[in-house]
Amino acid sequence: MRKNILQHIGAIVSSKRNKEHLTQQQLAQQTGRGLRHIQNIEKGRVNASIEVLADVIYRLGLSADVLFY
């Protein structure tokens, strides 16, 4: 069975953030988002808006394809 999409996105964001040696707090500050929001994205608890995802993937150098396919 396919992993829940929110958990999938969260795992990719978390993995890439760690590879970039960023804390959740640093990512939150650099994207203009709250720490709790970043934590919830990484845990797959929230359905982040396109605007939030765009800021996160831009900062982390991700492709949207990686998140959705």
PDB file of N, CA and C in Angstrom:
ATOM      1  N   MET A   1       0.846  -1.186   0.000  1.00  0.00           N
ATOM      2  CA  MET A   1       0.000   0.000   0.000  1.00  0.00           C
ATOM      3  C   MET A   1       0.891   1.249   0.000  1.00  0.00           C
ATOM      4  N   ARG A   2       0.492   2.246  -0.779  1.00  0.00           N
ATOM      5  CA  ARG A   2       1.269   3.480  -0.871  1.00  0.00           C
ATOM      6  C   ARG A   2       1.196   4.287   0.418  1.00  0.00           C
ATOM      7  N   LYS A   3       2.328   4.807   0.788  1.00  0.00           N
ATOM      8  CA  LYS A   3       2.442   5.645   1.975  1.00  0.00           C
ATOM      9  C   LYS A   3       1.554   6.871   1.816  1.00  0.00           C
ATOM     10  N   ASN A   4       1.007   7.331   2.883  1.00  0.00           N
ATOM     11  CA  ASN A   4       0.215   8.549   2.890  1.00  0.00           C
ATOM     12  C   ASN A   4       1.033   9.688   2.282  1.00  0.00           C
ATOM     13  N   ILE A   5       0.449  10.458   1.389  1.00  0.00           N
ATOM     14  CA  ILE A   5       1.162  11.530   0.670  1.00  0.00           C
ATOM     15  C   ILE A   5       1.731  12.583   1.621  1.00  0.00           C
ATOM     16  N   LEU A   6       1.015  12.915   2.680  1.00  0.00           N
ATOM     17  CA  LEU A   6       1.531  13.913   3.623  1.00  0.00           C
ATOM     18  C   LEU A   6       2.758  13.389   4.359  1.00  0.00           C
ATOM     19  N   GLN A   7       2.748  12.113   4.704  1.00  0.00           N
ATOM     20  CA  GLN A   7       3.911  11.508   5.347  1.00  0.00           C
ATOM     21  C   GLN A   7       5.079  11.417   4.365  1.00  0.00           C
ATOM     22  N   HIS A   8       4.768  11.116   3.110  1.00  0.00           N
ATOM     23  CA  HIS A   8       5.786  11.049   2.067  1.00  0.00           C
ATOM     24  C   HIS A   8       6.488  12.403   1.905  1.00  0.00           C
ATOM     25  N   ILE A   9       5.698  13.459   1.783  1.00  0.00           N
ATOM     26  CA  ILE A   9       6.249  14.809   1.642  1.00  0.00           C
ATOM     27  C   ILE A   9       7.074  15.174   2.875  1.00  0.00           C
ATOM     28  N   GLY A  10       6.537  14.900   4.045  1.00  0.00           N
ATOM     29  CA  GLY A  10       7.249  15.212   5.285  1.00  0.00           C
ATOM     30  C   GLY A  10       8.575  14.511   5.389  1.00  0.00           C
ATOM     31  N   ALA A  11       8.624  13.242   4.998  1.00  0.00           N
ATOM     32  CA  ALA A  11       9.871  12.477   5.066  1.00  0.00           C
ATOM     33  C   ALA A  11      10.921  13.045   4.119  1.00  0.00           C
ATOM     34  N   ILE A  12      10.500  13.466   2.939  1.00  0.00           N
ATOM     35  CA  ILE A  12      11.443  14.043   1.971  1.00  0.00           C
ATOM     36  C   ILE A  12      11.966  15.381   2.472  1.00  0.00           C
ATOM     37  N   VAL A  13      11.067  16.220   2.983  1.00  0.00           N
ATOM     38  CA  VAL A  13      11.489  17.520   3.504  1.00  0.00           C
ATOM     39  C   VAL A  13      12.469  17.330   4.667  1.00  0.00           C
ATOM     40  N   SER A  14      12.139  16.442   5.578  1.00  0.00           N
ATOM     41  CA  SER A  14      13.001  16.189   6.730  1.00  0.00           C
ATOM     42  C   SER A  14      14.374  15.671   6.301  1.00  0.00           C
ATOM     43  N   SER A  15      14.380  14.733   5.400  1.00  0.00           N
ATOM     44  CA  SER A  15      15.633  14.155   4.921  1.00  0.00           C
ATOM     45  C   SER A  15      16.523  15.205   4.256  1.00  0.00           C
ATOM     46  N   LYS A  16      15.932  15.992   3.381  1.00  0.00           N
ATOM     47  CA  LYS A  16      16.699  17.017   2.669  1.00  0.00           C
ATOM     48  C   LYS A  16      17.182  18.110   3.628  1.00  0.00           C
ATOM     49  N   ARG A  17      16.333  18.475   4.581  1.00  0.00           N
ATOM     50  CA  ARG A  17      16.726  19.484   5.570  1.00  0.00           C
ATOM     51  C   ARG A  17      17.945  18.992   6.353  1.00  0.00           C
ATOM     52  N   ASN A  18      17.914  17.746   6.759  1.00  0.00           N
ATOM     53  CA  ASN A  18      19.048  17.178   7.500  1.00  0.00           C
ATOM     54  C   ASN A  18      20.310  17.122   6.645  1.00  0.00           C
ATOM     55  N   LYS A  19      20.176  16.786   5.370  1.00  0.00           N
ATOM     56  CA  LYS A  19      21.329  16.759   4.473  1.00  0.00           C
ATOM     57  C   LYS A  19      21.932  18.147   4.297  1.00  0.00           C
ATOM     58  N   GLU A  20      21.094  19.168   4.410  1.00  0.00           N
ATOM     59  CA  GLU A  20      21.553  20.556   4.304  1.00  0.00           C
ATOM     60  C   GLU A  20      22.086  21.076   5.643  1.00  0.00           C
ATOM     61  N   HIS A  21      22.069  20.232   6.668  1.00  0.00           N
ATOM     62  CA  HIS A  21      22.542  20.588   8.010  1.00  0.00           C
ATOM     63  C   HIS A  21      21.770  21.777   8.591  1.00  0.00           C
ATOM     64  N   LEU A  22      20.461  21.761   8.374  1.00  0.00           N
ATOM     65  CA  LEU A  22      19.585  22.798   8.917  1.00  0.00           C
ATOM     66  C   LEU A  22      18.741  22.224  10.043  1.00  0.00           C
ATOM     67  N   THR A  23      18.507  23.022  11.054  1.00  0.00           N
ATOM     68  CA  THR A  23      17.532  22.636  12.075  1.00  0.00           C
ATOM     69  C   THR A  23      16.151  23.020  11.567  1.00  0.00           C
ATOM     70  N   GLN A  24      15.139  22.498  12.218  1.00  0.00           N
ATOM     71  CA  GLN A  24      13.777  22.894  11.860  1.00  0.00           C
ATOM     72  C   GLN A  24      13.594  24.393  12.092  1.00  0.00           C
ATOM     73  N   GLN A  25      14.192  24.897  13.150  1.00  0.00           N
ATOM     74  CA  GLN A  25      14.091  26.325  13.451  1.00  0.00           C
ATOM     75  C   GLN A  25      14.717  27.167  12.339  1.00  0.00           C
ATOM     76  N   GLN A  26      15.864  26.765  11.856  1.00  0.00           N
ATOM     77  CA  GLN A  26      16.518  27.507  10.778  1.00  0.00           C
ATOM     78  C   GLN A  26      15.680  27.486   9.509  1.00  0.00           C
ATOM     79  N   LEU A  27      15.133  26.323   9.167  1.00  0.00           N
ATOM     80  CA  LEU A  27      14.279  26.246   7.983  1.00  0.00           C
ATOM     81  C   LEU A  27      13.056  27.128   8.150  1.00  0.00           C
ATOM     82  N   ALA A  28      12.467  27.113   9.328  1.00  0.00           N
ATOM     83  CA  ALA A  28      11.299  27.961   9.600  1.00  0.00           C
ATOM     84  C   ALA A  28      11.650  29.436   9.404  1.00  0.00           C
ATOM     85  N   GLN A  29      12.764  29.863   9.958  1.00  0.00           N
ATOM     86  CA  GLN A  29      13.177  31.264   9.840  1.00  0.00           C
ATOM     87  C   GLN A  29      13.478  31.632   8.395  1.00  0.00           C
ATOM     88  N   GLN A  30      14.151  30.753   7.682  1.00  0.00           N
ATOM     89  CA  GLN A  30      14.569  31.052   6.314  1.00  0.00           C
ATOM     90  C   GLN A  30      13.414  31.019   5.319  1.00  0.00           C
ATOM     91  N   THR A  31      12.319  30.402   5.699  1.00  0.00           N
ATOM     92  CA  THR A  31      11.147  30.371   4.814  1.00  0.00           C
ATOM     93  C   THR A  31      10.027  31.277   5.309  1.00  0.00           C
ATOM     94  N   GLY A  32      10.245  31.927   6.439  1.00  0.00           N
ATOM     95  CA  GLY A  32       9.223  32.820   6.983  1.00  0.00           C
ATOM     96  C   GLY A  32       8.023  32.074   7.547  1.00  0.00           C
ATOM     97  N   ARG A  33       8.255  30.862   8.010  1.00  0.00           N
ATOM     98  CA  ARG A  33       7.184  30.036   8.572  1.00  0.00           C
ATOM     99  C   ARG A  33       7.464  29.782  10.044  1.00  0.00           C
ATOM    100  N   GLY A  34       6.450  29.311  10.750  1.00  0.00           N
ATOM    101  CA  GLY A  34       6.625  28.985  12.158  1.00  0.00           C
ATOM    102  C   GLY A  34       7.271  27.629  12.355  1.00  0.00           C
ATOM    103  N   LEU A  35       7.995  27.490  13.453  1.00  0.00           N
ATOM    104  CA  LEU A  35       8.643  26.228  13.779  1.00  0.00           C
ATOM    105  C   LEU A  35       7.616  25.100  13.842  1.00  0.00           C
ATOM    106  N   ARG A  36       6.523  25.328  14.524  1.00  0.00           N
ATOM    107  CA  ARG A  36       5.489  24.296  14.675  1.00  0.00           C
ATOM    108  C   ARG A  36       4.956  23.856  13.313  1.00  0.00           C
ATOM    109  N   HIS A  37       4.825  24.778  12.389  1.00  0.00           N
ATOM    110  CA  HIS A  37       4.317  24.437  11.053  1.00  0.00           C
ATOM    111  C   HIS A  37       5.308  23.517  10.330  1.00  0.00           C
ATOM    112  N   ILE A  38       6.588  23.828  10.401  1.00  0.00           N
ATOM    113  CA  ILE A  38       7.611  22.974   9.787  1.00  0.00           C
ATOM    114  C   ILE A  38       7.595  21.594  10.438  1.00  0.00           C
ATOM    115  N   GLN A  39       7.497  21.557  11.757  1.00  0.00           N
ATOM    116  CA  GLN A  39       7.435  20.276  12.463  1.00  0.00           C
ATOM    117  C   GLN A  39       6.241  19.452  12.000  1.00  0.00           C
ATOM    118  N   ASN A  40       5.103  20.092  11.873  1.00  0.00           N
ATOM    119  CA  ASN A  40       3.893  19.385  11.453  1.00  0.00           C
ATOM    120  C   ASN A  40       3.967  18.907  10.007  1.00  0.00           C
ATOM    121  N   ILE A  41       4.616  19.661   9.146  1.00  0.00           N
ATOM    122  CA  ILE A  41       4.821  19.226   7.757  1.00  0.00           C
ATOM    123  C   ILE A  41       5.678  17.963   7.751  1.00  0.00           C
ATOM    124  N   GLU A  42       6.774  18.001   8.488  1.00  0.00           N
ATOM    125  CA  GLU A  42       7.692  16.860   8.505  1.00  0.00           C
ATOM    126  C   GLU A  42       7.055  15.609   9.111  1.00  0.00           C
ATOM    127  N   LYS A  43       6.127  15.789  10.009  1.00  0.00           N
ATOM    128  CA  LYS A  43       5.443  14.643  10.623  1.00  0.00           C
ATOM    129  C   LYS A  43       4.227  14.193   9.822  1.00  0.00           C
ATOM    130  N   GLY A  44       3.911  14.906   8.738  1.00  0.00           N
ATOM    131  CA  GLY A  44       2.767  14.540   7.911  1.00  0.00           C
ATOM    132  C   GLY A  44       1.434  14.856   8.552  1.00  0.00           C
ATOM    133  N   ARG A  45       1.418  15.830   9.429  1.00  0.00           N
ATOM    134  CA  ARG A  45       0.200  16.195  10.164  1.00  0.00           C
ATOM    135  C   ARG A  45      -0.626  17.290   9.494  1.00  0.00           C
ATOM    136  N   VAL A  46      -0.010  18.039   8.587  1.00  0.00           N
ATOM    137  CA  VAL A  46      -0.732  19.137   7.940  1.00  0.00           C
ATOM    138  C   VAL A  46      -0.612  19.028   6.429  1.00  0.00           C
ATOM    139  N   ASN A  47      -1.615  19.538   5.776  1.00  0.00           N
ATOM    140  CA  ASN A  47      -1.618  19.638   4.318  1.00  0.00           C
ATOM    141  C   ASN A  47      -1.149  21.055   3.987  1.00  0.00           C
ATOM    142  N   ALA A  48       0.157  21.196   3.789  1.00  0.00           N
ATOM    143  CA  ALA A  48       0.743  22.511   3.553  1.00  0.00           C
ATOM    144  C   ALA A  48       0.242  23.105   2.237  1.00  0.00           C
ATOM    145  N   SER A  49       0.067  24.404   2.225  1.00  0.00           N
ATOM    146  CA  SER A  49      -0.374  25.089   1.016  1.00  0.00           C
ATOM    147  C   SER A  49       0.737  25.081  -0.032  1.00  0.00           C
ATOM    148  N   ILE A  50       0.356  25.358  -1.254  1.00  0.00           N
ATOM    149  CA  ILE A  50       1.330  25.455  -2.349  1.00  0.00           C
ATOM    150  C   ILE A  50       2.359  26.534  -2.035  1.00  0.00           C
ATOM    151  N   GLU A  51       1.932  27.648  -1.449  1.00  0.00           N
ATOM    152  CA  GLU A  51       2.866  28.724  -1.126  1.00  0.00           C
ATOM    153  C   GLU A  51       3.920  28.268  -0.129  1.00  0.00           C
ATOM    154  N   VAL A  52       3.503  27.548   0.890  1.00  0.00           N
ATOM    155  CA  VAL A  52       4.447  27.056   1.893  1.00  0.00           C
ATOM    156  C   VAL A  52       5.384  26.034   1.264  1.00  0.00           C
ATOM    157  N   LEU A  53       4.827  25.079   0.527  1.00  0.00           N
ATOM    158  CA  LEU A  53       5.665  24.072  -0.117  1.00  0.00           C
ATOM    159  C   LEU A  53       6.649  24.707  -1.093  1.00  0.00           C
ATOM    160  N   ALA A  54       6.204  25.715  -1.819  1.00  0.00           N
ATOM    161  CA  ALA A  54       7.094  26.395  -2.769  1.00  0.00           C
ATOM    162  C   ALA A  54       8.275  27.022  -2.040  1.00  0.00           C
ATOM    163  N   ASP A  55       8.020  27.668  -0.919  1.00  0.00           N
ATOM    164  CA  ASP A  55       9.106  28.275  -0.138  1.00  0.00           C
ATOM    165  C   ASP A  55      10.069  27.214   0.388  1.00  0.00           C
ATOM    166  N   VAL A  56       9.523  26.117   0.873  1.00  0.00           N
ATOM    167  CA  VAL A  56      10.353  25.053   1.448  1.00  0.00           C
ATOM    168  C   VAL A  56      11.196  24.378   0.366  1.00  0.00           C
ATOM    169  N   ILE A  57      10.581  24.026  -0.757  1.00  0.00           N
ATOM    170  CA  ILE A  57      11.348  23.327  -1.789  1.00  0.00           C
ATOM    171  C   ILE A  57      12.372  24.257  -2.450  1.00  0.00           C
ATOM    172  N   TYR A  58      12.037  25.533  -2.554  1.00  0.00           N
ATOM    173  CA  TYR A  58      13.012  26.484  -3.092  1.00  0.00           C
ATOM    174  C   TYR A  58      14.229  26.562  -2.167  1.00  0.00           C
ATOM    175  N   ARG A  59      13.989  26.701  -0.876  1.00  0.00           N
ATOM    176  CA  ARG A  59      15.097  26.814   0.087  1.00  0.00           C
ATOM    177  C   ARG A  59      15.944  25.556   0.132  1.00  0.00           C
ATOM    178  N   LEU A  60      15.287  24.393   0.015  1.00  0.00           N
ATOM    179  CA  LEU A  60      16.018  23.129   0.106  1.00  0.00           C
ATOM    180  C   LEU A  60      16.578  22.662  -1.236  1.00  0.00           C
ATOM    181  N   GLY A  61      16.209  23.351  -2.308  1.00  0.00           N
ATOM    182  CA  GLY A  61      16.707  22.954  -3.620  1.00  0.00           C
ATOM    183  C   GLY A  61      16.081  21.672  -4.132  1.00  0.00           C
ATOM    184  N   LEU A  62      14.840  21.438  -3.745  1.00  0.00           N
ATOM    185  CA  LEU A  62      14.103  20.252  -4.188  1.00  0.00           C
ATOM    186  C   LEU A  62      13.331  20.535  -5.463  1.00  0.00           C
ATOM    187  N   SER A  63      12.960  19.486  -6.139  1.00  0.00           N
ATOM    188  CA  SER A  63      12.063  19.579  -7.280  1.00  0.00           C
ATOM    189  C   SER A  63      10.672  19.150  -6.807  1.00  0.00           C
ATOM    190  N   ALA A  64       9.655  19.797  -7.288  1.00  0.00           N
ATOM    191  CA  ALA A  64       8.293  19.396  -6.945  1.00  0.00           C
ATOM    192  C   ALA A  64       8.023  17.960  -7.384  1.00  0.00           C
ATOM    193  N   ASP A  65       8.672  17.515  -8.447  1.00  0.00           N
ATOM    194  CA  ASP A  65       8.512  16.136  -8.913  1.00  0.00           C
ATOM    195  C   ASP A  65       8.884  15.138  -7.819  1.00  0.00           C
ATOM    196  N   VAL A  66       9.908  15.443  -7.050  1.00  0.00           N
ATOM    197  CA  VAL A  66      10.367  14.553  -6.001  1.00  0.00           C
ATOM    198  C   VAL A  66       9.279  14.383  -4.937  1.00  0.00           C
ATOM    199  N   LEU A  67       8.561  15.452  -4.680  1.00  0.00           N
ATOM    200  CA  LEU A  67       7.522  15.385  -3.642  1.00  0.00           C
ATOM    201  C   LEU A  67       6.292  14.617  -4.095  1.00  0.00           C
ATOM    202  N   PHE A  68       5.942  14.750  -5.362  1.00  0.00           N
ATOM    203  CA  PHE A  68       4.643  14.225  -5.804  1.00  0.00           C
ATOM    204  C   PHE A  68       4.702  12.978  -6.665  1.00  0.00           C
ATOM    205  N   TYR A  69       5.892  12.563  -7.088  1.00  0.00           N
ATOM    206  CA  TYR A  69       5.977  11.379  -7.952  1.00  0.00           C
ATOM    207  C   TYR A  69       7.028  10.414  -7.451  1.00  0.00           C
TER     208      TYR A  69
END
